[in-house]
N, C-alpha and C. Protein backbone atom coordinates (compact mmCIF):
# COMPACT_ATOMS: atom_id res chain seq x y z
N UNK A 1 70.75 0.00 18.46
CA UNK A 1 72.27 -0.35 18.27
C UNK A 1 73.17 0.66 18.30
N UNK A 2 74.56 0.65 19.07
CA UNK A 2 75.24 1.48 19.41
C UNK A 2 77.13 0.70 18.70
N UNK A 3 77.58 0.85 18.07
CA UNK A 3 78.85 0.57 17.68
C UNK A 3 79.62 1.47 17.70
N UNK A 4 80.70 2.03 18.78
CA UNK A 4 81.00 3.14 18.45
C UNK A 4 83.11 2.61 18.95
N UNK A 5 83.49 3.52 17.60
CA UNK A 5 84.66 3.26 17.74
C UNK A 5 85.79 4.26 17.56
N UNK A 6 86.52 4.60 18.26
CA UNK A 6 87.74 5.49 19.16
C UNK A 6 88.60 5.46 18.50
N UNK A 7 89.34 5.73 17.71
CA UNK A 7 90.71 5.58 17.28
C UNK A 7 92.11 6.23 18.01
N UNK A 8 93.00 5.49 18.81
CA UNK A 8 93.51 6.36 20.01
C UNK A 8 94.68 6.20 19.39
N UNK A 9 95.69 5.53 18.32
CA UNK A 9 96.68 5.07 18.10
C UNK A 9 97.40 5.65 16.43
N UNK A 10 98.75 6.20 16.47
CA UNK A 10 99.11 6.62 15.52
C UNK A 10 100.12 6.59 14.36
N UNK A 11 99.33 4.85 15.00
CA UNK A 11 100.55 3.87 14.31
C UNK A 11 100.41 3.94 12.28
N UNK A 12 99.30 4.06 12.37
CA UNK A 12 98.57 4.30 11.11
C UNK A 12 97.16 4.35 11.18
N UNK A 13 97.30 5.02 9.67
CA UNK A 13 95.98 6.06 9.39
C UNK A 13 94.45 4.73 9.09
N UNK A 14 93.63 4.76 9.89
CA UNK A 14 92.66 3.88 9.75
C UNK A 14 91.12 4.15 8.59
N UNK A 15 91.31 3.54 7.75
CA UNK A 15 90.35 4.41 6.11
C UNK A 15 89.15 4.08 7.22
N UNK A 16 88.21 4.71 6.84
CA UNK A 16 86.64 5.28 7.34
C UNK A 16 86.03 3.30 6.58
N UNK A 17 86.97 3.48 5.22
CA UNK A 17 85.79 1.95 4.75
C UNK A 17 85.83 1.36 6.10
N UNK A 18 87.02 0.79 6.47
CA UNK A 18 87.14 0.40 7.39
C UNK A 18 86.27 -0.17 8.62
N UNK A 19 85.87 1.32 9.17
CA UNK A 19 85.36 1.71 10.14
C UNK A 19 83.48 1.12 9.85
N UNK A 20 83.44 1.41 9.11
CA UNK A 20 82.30 0.92 7.99
C UNK A 20 82.15 -0.21 8.12
N UNK A 21 83.21 -1.12 7.61
CA UNK A 21 82.82 -2.80 7.72
C UNK A 21 82.94 -2.83 9.25
N UNK A 22 83.98 -2.32 10.00
CA UNK A 22 83.71 -3.10 11.72
C UNK A 22 82.68 -2.83 12.07
N UNK A 23 81.92 -1.85 11.86
CA UNK A 23 80.59 -1.79 12.67
C UNK A 23 79.69 -2.35 11.45
N UNK A 24 79.49 -3.30 10.57
CA UNK A 24 78.60 -4.09 10.13
C UNK A 24 78.93 -5.39 10.63
N UNK A 25 79.95 -5.88 10.61
CA UNK A 25 80.58 -6.81 10.90
C UNK A 25 79.92 -7.16 12.58
N UNK A 26 80.17 -6.20 13.39
CA UNK A 26 79.70 -5.97 15.20
C UNK A 26 77.95 -6.64 14.75
N UNK A 27 77.59 -5.54 14.48
CA UNK A 27 76.31 -5.76 14.68
C UNK A 27 75.55 -7.16 14.01
N UNK A 28 76.22 -7.22 12.57
CA UNK A 28 75.66 -9.22 12.13
C UNK A 28 76.14 -9.85 13.80
N UNK A 29 76.95 -9.75 14.34
CA UNK A 29 77.61 -10.59 15.58
C UNK A 29 76.71 -10.54 16.59
N UNK A 30 76.60 -9.07 16.68
CA UNK A 30 75.56 -9.04 17.57
C UNK A 30 73.83 -9.34 17.65
N UNK A 31 73.52 -9.36 16.28
CA UNK A 31 72.22 -9.55 15.40
C UNK A 31 72.33 -10.98 15.54
N UNK A 32 73.10 -11.92 15.41
CA UNK A 32 73.27 -13.08 15.48
C UNK A 32 73.30 -14.05 16.21
N UNK A 33 73.41 -13.24 17.31
CA UNK A 33 73.50 -13.38 19.24
C UNK A 33 72.37 -13.45 19.48
N UNK A 34 71.28 -12.45 18.81
CA UNK A 34 69.60 -12.38 19.39
C UNK A 34 70.33 -10.98 20.60
N UNK A 35 71.01 -9.96 20.00
CA UNK A 35 71.68 -8.89 20.97
C UNK A 35 71.61 -7.42 19.69
N UNK A 36 71.13 -7.57 19.03
CA UNK A 36 70.43 -6.46 17.77
C UNK A 36 70.52 -5.06 18.32
N UNK A 37 70.51 -4.71 19.61
CA UNK A 37 69.63 -3.00 19.89
C UNK A 37 71.22 -3.44 21.29
N UNK A 38 71.73 -4.01 21.72
CA UNK A 38 73.24 -3.47 22.33
C UNK A 38 74.24 -2.92 22.30
N UNK A 39 74.49 -2.33 22.80
CA UNK A 39 76.05 -1.50 22.50
C UNK A 39 77.02 -1.89 23.00
N UNK A 40 78.42 -1.48 22.19
CA UNK A 40 79.49 -2.12 22.29
C UNK A 40 80.44 -0.94 21.83
N UNK A 41 81.48 -0.60 22.28
CA UNK A 41 82.61 0.21 22.17
C UNK A 41 83.61 -0.59 21.55
N UNK A 42 84.49 0.19 20.56
CA UNK A 42 86.03 -0.87 20.12
C UNK A 42 86.45 0.64 20.16
N UNK A 43 87.96 0.59 20.77
CA UNK A 43 89.03 1.24 21.04
C UNK A 43 89.94 1.03 20.56
N UNK A 44 90.62 1.36 18.97
CA UNK A 44 92.18 0.94 18.50
C UNK A 44 93.13 1.70 19.05
N UNK A 45 94.07 0.75 19.42
CA UNK A 45 94.93 1.34 20.51
C UNK A 45 96.23 1.02 19.83
N UNK A 46 97.59 1.48 20.45
CA UNK A 46 99.24 0.72 20.23
C UNK A 46 99.26 -0.29 21.15
N UNK A 47 100.20 -0.88 20.51
CA UNK A 47 101.15 -1.69 21.63
C UNK A 47 101.09 -1.57 23.20
N UNK A 48 101.78 -0.25 23.54
CA UNK A 48 102.41 0.19 24.79
C UNK A 48 100.89 0.41 25.79
N UNK A 49 99.46 1.04 25.02
CA UNK A 49 98.74 1.57 25.73
C UNK A 49 97.75 -0.40 26.15
N UNK A 50 97.73 -1.46 25.33
CA UNK A 50 97.44 -2.44 25.44
C UNK A 50 98.02 -3.34 26.38
N UNK A 51 99.33 -3.14 25.97
CA UNK A 51 100.50 -3.28 27.43
C UNK A 51 100.17 -3.61 28.47
N UNK A 52 99.63 -1.71 29.30
CA UNK A 52 99.39 -1.44 30.42
C UNK A 52 97.88 -1.86 30.68
N UNK A 53 97.09 -1.84 29.65
CA UNK A 53 95.62 -2.62 30.53
C UNK A 53 95.75 -3.92 30.66
N UNK A 54 96.70 -5.12 29.74
CA UNK A 54 97.30 -6.40 29.85
C UNK A 54 97.90 -6.52 31.44
N UNK A 55 98.44 -5.74 31.46
CA UNK A 55 99.36 -5.94 32.93
C UNK A 55 98.35 -5.64 34.34
N UNK A 56 97.78 -4.35 34.02
CA UNK A 56 97.20 -3.95 34.86
C UNK A 56 95.44 -4.92 35.73
N UNK A 57 95.05 -5.45 34.39
CA UNK A 57 93.35 -6.07 34.55
C UNK A 57 94.15 -7.61 34.28
N UNK A 58 94.87 -8.01 33.89
CA UNK A 58 95.25 -9.64 33.62
C UNK A 58 96.43 -10.16 34.27
N UNK A 59 97.38 -8.94 34.88
CA UNK A 59 98.27 -9.68 35.21
C UNK A 59 99.46 -10.09 34.33
N UNK A 60 99.46 -9.73 33.25
CA UNK A 60 100.33 -10.11 32.33
C UNK A 60 101.14 -9.08 31.28
N UNK A 61 101.91 -9.11 31.65
CA UNK A 61 103.37 -7.99 31.13
C UNK A 61 103.86 -8.12 30.06
N UNK A 62 103.15 -8.06 29.27
CA UNK A 62 103.67 -7.76 27.49
C UNK A 62 101.88 -7.57 26.64
N UNK A 63 102.12 -6.95 25.64
CA UNK A 63 101.36 -6.39 24.90
C UNK A 63 100.17 -7.55 24.45
N UNK A 64 99.18 -7.52 23.63
CA UNK A 64 97.97 -9.12 23.29
C UNK A 64 97.55 -7.72 22.43
N UNK A 65 96.91 -8.75 21.54
CA UNK A 65 96.23 -8.45 20.27
C UNK A 65 94.50 -7.97 20.70
N UNK A 66 93.99 -8.54 21.88
CA UNK A 66 92.52 -7.70 21.68
C UNK A 66 92.50 -8.03 23.10
N UNK A 67 91.70 -7.00 23.86
CA UNK A 67 90.94 -7.25 25.22
C UNK A 67 89.60 -6.60 25.58
N UNK A 68 88.97 -7.54 26.05
CA UNK A 68 87.57 -7.48 26.07
C UNK A 68 87.03 -7.32 27.71
N UNK A 69 86.25 -5.82 28.02
CA UNK A 69 85.76 -5.28 29.18
C UNK A 69 84.19 -5.36 28.78
N UNK A 70 83.86 -6.54 29.53
CA UNK A 70 82.27 -6.57 29.57
C UNK A 70 81.67 -5.58 31.01
N UNK A 71 80.54 -4.64 30.66
CA UNK A 71 79.77 -3.90 31.49
C UNK A 71 80.09 -5.20 33.10
N UNK A 72 79.31 -6.00 33.09
CA UNK A 72 79.08 -6.37 33.87
C UNK A 72 80.03 -7.37 34.49
N UNK A 73 81.28 -7.35 34.02
CA UNK A 73 82.55 -7.18 34.96
C UNK A 73 83.45 -6.19 35.48
N UNK A 74 82.53 -5.09 35.78
CA UNK A 74 82.87 -3.79 36.66
C UNK A 74 83.80 -3.89 37.87
N UNK A 75 85.01 -4.34 37.81
CA UNK A 75 86.02 -4.46 38.79
C UNK A 75 85.87 -3.61 40.07
N UNK A 76 85.40 -2.54 40.25
CA UNK A 76 85.10 -1.52 41.05
C UNK A 76 83.87 -2.22 41.84
N UNK A 77 83.08 -2.98 41.51
CA UNK A 77 81.80 -3.82 41.95
C UNK A 77 80.46 -2.21 42.41
N UNK A 78 80.62 -1.27 41.33
CA UNK A 78 79.75 -0.41 41.50
C UNK A 78 79.03 -0.66 40.54
N UNK A 79 77.52 -0.30 40.78
CA UNK A 79 76.48 -0.73 40.66
C UNK A 79 76.24 0.16 39.31
N UNK A 80 75.91 0.13 37.77
CA UNK A 80 75.43 1.02 37.38
C UNK A 80 73.91 0.93 37.02
N UNK A 81 73.43 2.21 37.72
CA UNK A 81 71.89 2.17 36.95
C UNK A 81 71.60 3.10 35.63
N UNK A 82 70.89 2.52 34.81
CA UNK A 82 70.62 3.16 33.54
C UNK A 82 68.75 3.22 33.69
N UNK A 83 68.44 3.87 32.51
CA UNK A 83 67.14 4.12 32.77
C UNK A 83 66.38 2.89 31.77
N UNK A 84 65.49 3.08 31.96
CA UNK A 84 64.64 1.02 31.43
C UNK A 84 64.81 1.10 30.12
N UNK A 85 64.65 2.04 29.31
CA UNK A 85 64.90 2.38 28.12
C UNK A 85 66.14 1.80 27.13
N UNK A 86 67.14 2.31 28.18
CA UNK A 86 68.97 2.60 27.68
C UNK A 86 69.02 1.02 26.81
N UNK A 87 69.89 0.98 25.81
CA UNK A 87 70.34 0.32 25.42
C UNK A 87 70.95 -0.67 26.32
N UNK A 88 71.66 -2.28 25.98
CA UNK A 88 72.27 -3.45 26.48
C UNK A 88 73.51 -2.39 26.74
N UNK A 89 74.74 -2.54 27.72
CA UNK A 89 75.34 -1.96 27.50
C UNK A 89 76.44 -3.15 27.79
N UNK A 90 77.14 -3.61 26.53
CA UNK A 90 77.63 -5.22 26.39
C UNK A 90 79.20 -4.90 27.06
N UNK A 91 79.43 -3.66 26.30
CA UNK A 91 81.08 -3.65 27.18
C UNK A 91 82.21 -3.19 25.85
N UNK A 92 83.52 -2.90 26.45
CA UNK A 92 84.96 -2.10 25.52
C UNK A 92 85.50 -3.34 24.98
N UNK A 93 85.86 -2.99 23.70
CA UNK A 93 86.73 -4.25 23.13
C UNK A 93 88.16 -3.39 22.61
N UNK A 94 89.48 -3.66 22.98
CA UNK A 94 90.44 -2.56 22.97
C UNK A 94 91.51 -3.82 21.72
N UNK A 95 91.77 -3.17 20.68
CA UNK A 95 92.67 -3.84 19.65
C UNK A 95 93.91 -2.86 19.51
N UNK A 96 94.80 -3.89 19.79
CA UNK A 96 95.96 -2.90 18.93
C UNK A 96 96.32 -2.85 17.74
N UNK A 97 96.66 -1.94 17.29
CA UNK A 97 96.48 -2.16 15.88
C UNK A 97 97.75 -2.18 15.27
N UNK A 98 99.16 -2.22 16.06
CA UNK A 98 100.33 -3.08 15.60
C UNK A 98 100.19 -4.41 15.66
N UNK A 99 99.66 -5.03 16.81
CA UNK A 99 99.46 -6.60 16.92
C UNK A 99 98.62 -7.26 15.43
N UNK A 100 97.44 -6.04 15.07
CA UNK A 100 96.81 -6.46 14.19
C UNK A 100 97.37 -6.70 12.40
N UNK A 101 98.58 -5.48 12.72
CA UNK A 101 99.68 -5.18 11.25
C UNK A 101 100.59 -6.53 11.48
N UNK A 102 101.04 -7.23 12.20
CA UNK A 102 101.64 -8.20 12.55
C UNK A 102 100.91 -9.58 12.18
N UNK A 103 99.87 -9.50 12.66
CA UNK A 103 99.11 -10.89 12.54
C UNK A 103 98.61 -11.15 11.23
N UNK A 104 97.83 -9.48 10.67
CA UNK A 104 97.79 -9.74 9.25
C UNK A 104 98.76 -10.28 8.37
N UNK A 105 100.41 -9.89 8.79
CA UNK A 105 101.10 -10.57 7.89
C UNK A 105 101.81 -11.93 7.82
N UNK A 106 101.18 -12.29 9.25
CA UNK A 106 101.94 -13.54 9.53
C UNK A 106 100.78 -14.67 9.22
N UNK A 107 99.51 -14.43 8.93
CA UNK A 107 98.34 -14.92 8.21
C UNK A 107 98.30 -14.96 7.17
N UNK A 108 98.80 -14.10 6.23
CA UNK A 108 98.85 -13.14 5.03
C UNK A 108 97.35 -13.11 4.64
N UNK A 109 96.55 -12.19 5.75
CA UNK A 109 95.35 -11.87 4.89
C UNK A 109 95.31 -10.58 5.39
N UNK A 110 94.42 -9.86 4.52
CA UNK A 110 94.49 -8.56 4.92
C UNK A 110 93.95 -8.04 6.01
N UNK A 111 94.62 -6.73 6.17
CA UNK A 111 94.50 -6.16 7.24
C UNK A 111 93.46 -5.47 8.15
N UNK A 112 92.27 -5.54 7.25
CA UNK A 112 90.73 -5.38 7.47
C UNK A 112 89.90 -6.91 7.65
N UNK A 113 90.54 -7.48 7.38
CA UNK A 113 90.55 -9.12 8.32
C UNK A 113 90.33 -9.07 9.18
N UNK A 114 92.10 -9.14 9.70
CA UNK A 114 92.31 -9.39 11.08
C UNK A 114 91.68 -8.05 12.30
N UNK A 115 91.28 -7.12 11.41
CA UNK A 115 90.59 -6.19 12.79
C UNK A 115 89.57 -6.68 12.42
N UNK A 116 88.83 -6.75 11.98
CA UNK A 116 87.24 -7.77 12.11
C UNK A 116 87.35 -8.70 13.10
N UNK A 117 88.45 -9.86 12.32
CA UNK A 117 88.16 -10.73 13.02
C UNK A 117 88.61 -10.89 14.67
N UNK A 118 89.84 -9.67 14.81
CA UNK A 118 90.04 -9.49 16.60
C UNK A 118 88.69 -8.69 17.09
N UNK A 119 88.05 -7.91 16.21
CA UNK A 119 86.61 -6.57 16.98
C UNK A 119 85.82 -8.33 17.25
N UNK A 120 85.25 -9.23 16.41
CA UNK A 120 84.20 -10.63 16.42
C UNK A 120 84.95 -11.26 17.64
N UNK A 121 85.72 -11.37 17.50
CA UNK A 121 86.72 -12.36 18.76
C UNK A 121 86.33 -11.56 20.07
N UNK A 122 86.47 -10.24 20.04
CA UNK A 122 86.66 -9.54 21.46
C UNK A 122 84.94 -9.64 21.96
N UNK A 123 84.03 -9.30 20.43
CA UNK A 123 82.39 -9.22 20.87
C UNK A 123 82.04 -10.73 22.06
N UNK A 124 82.65 -12.06 21.27
CA UNK A 124 81.85 -13.06 21.51
C UNK A 124 82.86 -13.42 22.75
N UNK A 125 83.65 -12.70 23.35
CA UNK A 125 84.17 -12.52 25.20
C UNK A 125 82.74 -11.81 25.49
N UNK A 126 82.56 -10.49 25.14
CA UNK A 126 81.69 -9.92 25.73
C UNK A 126 79.96 -10.82 25.84
N UNK A 127 79.62 -11.30 24.76
CA UNK A 127 78.60 -12.71 24.69
C UNK A 127 78.61 -13.72 25.79
N UNK A 128 79.47 -13.77 26.14
CA UNK A 128 79.90 -14.82 26.90
C UNK A 128 81.22 -16.05 26.66
N UNK A 129 81.49 -16.26 25.58
CA UNK A 129 82.61 -17.35 25.26
C UNK A 129 83.43 -17.16 25.77
N UNK A 130 84.22 -18.06 26.67
CA UNK A 130 85.68 -17.99 26.83
C UNK A 130 86.33 -19.54 27.01
N UNK A 131 87.06 -19.00 26.10
CA UNK A 131 88.16 -20.23 25.39
C UNK A 131 89.36 -20.54 25.99
N UNK A 132 89.10 -19.71 27.19
CA UNK A 132 90.83 -20.07 28.11
C UNK A 132 89.95 -20.61 29.22
N UNK A 133 88.87 -20.58 29.88
CA UNK A 133 88.63 -21.13 31.16
C UNK A 133 87.21 -22.15 31.03
N UNK A 134 86.97 -22.81 29.62
CA UNK A 134 85.90 -23.46 28.90
C UNK A 134 86.66 -24.26 27.58
N UNK A 135 86.09 -25.44 27.78
CA UNK A 135 85.87 -25.92 26.00
C UNK A 135 85.28 -25.11 24.83
N UNK A 136 85.12 -23.71 24.91
CA UNK A 136 84.31 -22.88 24.19
C UNK A 136 85.23 -22.90 22.87
N UNK A 137 86.46 -23.69 22.98
CA UNK A 137 87.43 -22.77 21.66
C UNK A 137 86.63 -23.31 20.23
N UNK A 138 86.31 -24.64 20.08
CA UNK A 138 86.11 -24.64 18.80
C UNK A 138 84.53 -24.17 18.13
N UNK A 139 83.75 -23.34 19.43
CA UNK A 139 82.57 -23.24 19.00
C UNK A 139 82.77 -21.22 18.56
N UNK A 140 83.47 -21.17 19.26
CA UNK A 140 84.07 -19.23 19.13
C UNK A 140 84.82 -19.68 17.79
N UNK A 141 85.45 -20.34 17.40
CA UNK A 141 85.93 -20.36 16.53
C UNK A 141 84.86 -20.16 14.90
N UNK A 142 84.14 -21.24 15.72
CA UNK A 142 83.13 -21.76 14.48
C UNK A 142 82.18 -20.39 14.34
N UNK A 143 81.88 -19.35 15.59
CA UNK A 143 80.82 -18.73 15.60
C UNK A 143 82.01 -17.09 15.24
N UNK A 144 82.89 -17.42 15.26
CA UNK A 144 84.06 -15.96 14.47
C UNK A 144 83.84 -16.16 13.13
N UNK A 145 83.82 -17.63 12.40
CA UNK A 145 84.01 -17.82 10.59
C UNK A 145 82.77 -17.37 10.16
N UNK A 146 81.87 -18.24 11.28
CA UNK A 146 80.37 -17.36 10.14
C UNK A 146 79.86 -16.50 10.26
N UNK A 147 80.49 -15.49 11.28
CA UNK A 147 79.88 -13.65 11.17
C UNK A 147 80.91 -13.32 9.97
N UNK A 148 82.46 -13.45 9.69
CA UNK A 148 83.26 -12.99 9.35
C UNK A 148 82.77 -13.75 7.76
N UNK A 149 82.10 -14.92 7.38
CA UNK A 149 82.02 -15.49 6.02
C UNK A 149 80.89 -14.28 5.46
N UNK A 150 80.16 -14.20 6.34
CA UNK A 150 78.81 -12.66 5.69
C UNK A 150 79.54 -12.11 4.97
N UNK A 151 80.74 -11.70 5.01
CA UNK A 151 81.46 -10.58 4.62
C UNK A 151 82.25 -10.67 4.03
N UNK A 152 82.50 -12.12 3.35
CA UNK A 152 83.77 -12.66 3.03
C UNK A 152 85.22 -12.26 3.19
N UNK A 153 85.21 -12.30 4.48
CA UNK A 153 86.31 -12.20 5.30
C UNK A 153 86.50 -13.62 6.26
N UNK A 154 86.01 -14.85 5.56
CA UNK A 154 86.36 -15.86 6.39
C UNK A 154 88.03 -16.50 5.65
N UNK A 155 88.34 -17.20 6.75
CA UNK A 155 89.89 -17.64 6.38
C UNK A 155 89.86 -18.29 4.58
N UNK A 156 88.71 -18.50 4.46
CA UNK A 156 89.13 -19.01 3.07
C UNK A 156 89.22 -17.92 2.10
N UNK A 157 88.91 -16.64 2.20
CA UNK A 157 88.03 -15.39 1.37
C UNK A 157 88.75 -14.66 1.89
N UNK A 158 90.30 -14.86 2.53
CA UNK A 158 90.92 -13.35 2.60
C UNK A 158 91.88 -13.58 3.88
């Protein structure tokens, strides 16, 4: 398993403890969905960067909080050939730190809770949950809270 976190934004310094927690939470999400050896990349970005991605890939001309790009949804159509023993590459999760800060304030919970929530939300999209195109909203919310609660990051905890 590998959870790769890359911080490209300069809005706020990212506490190494948050990165460790983020890795643990995502690993729990992978394990609880029978993908313990899968690989996921998390990129922490600013609003400008996520706005560009949102416009380019979703046609939405505004920033958003989190975007997920599954490896199997490669828009180029290029097949990726990996060695047989390579881990399953699920994809990339982009999180806007500016949106994370705003939403943590709005929902009155700690920044690390909002960061982990957005990462889990993105992970569940990579795992096939789709609240926009199906009736997965309730299932997705329950899965998010179940994962976060294991780290005392559920809604009732923070």
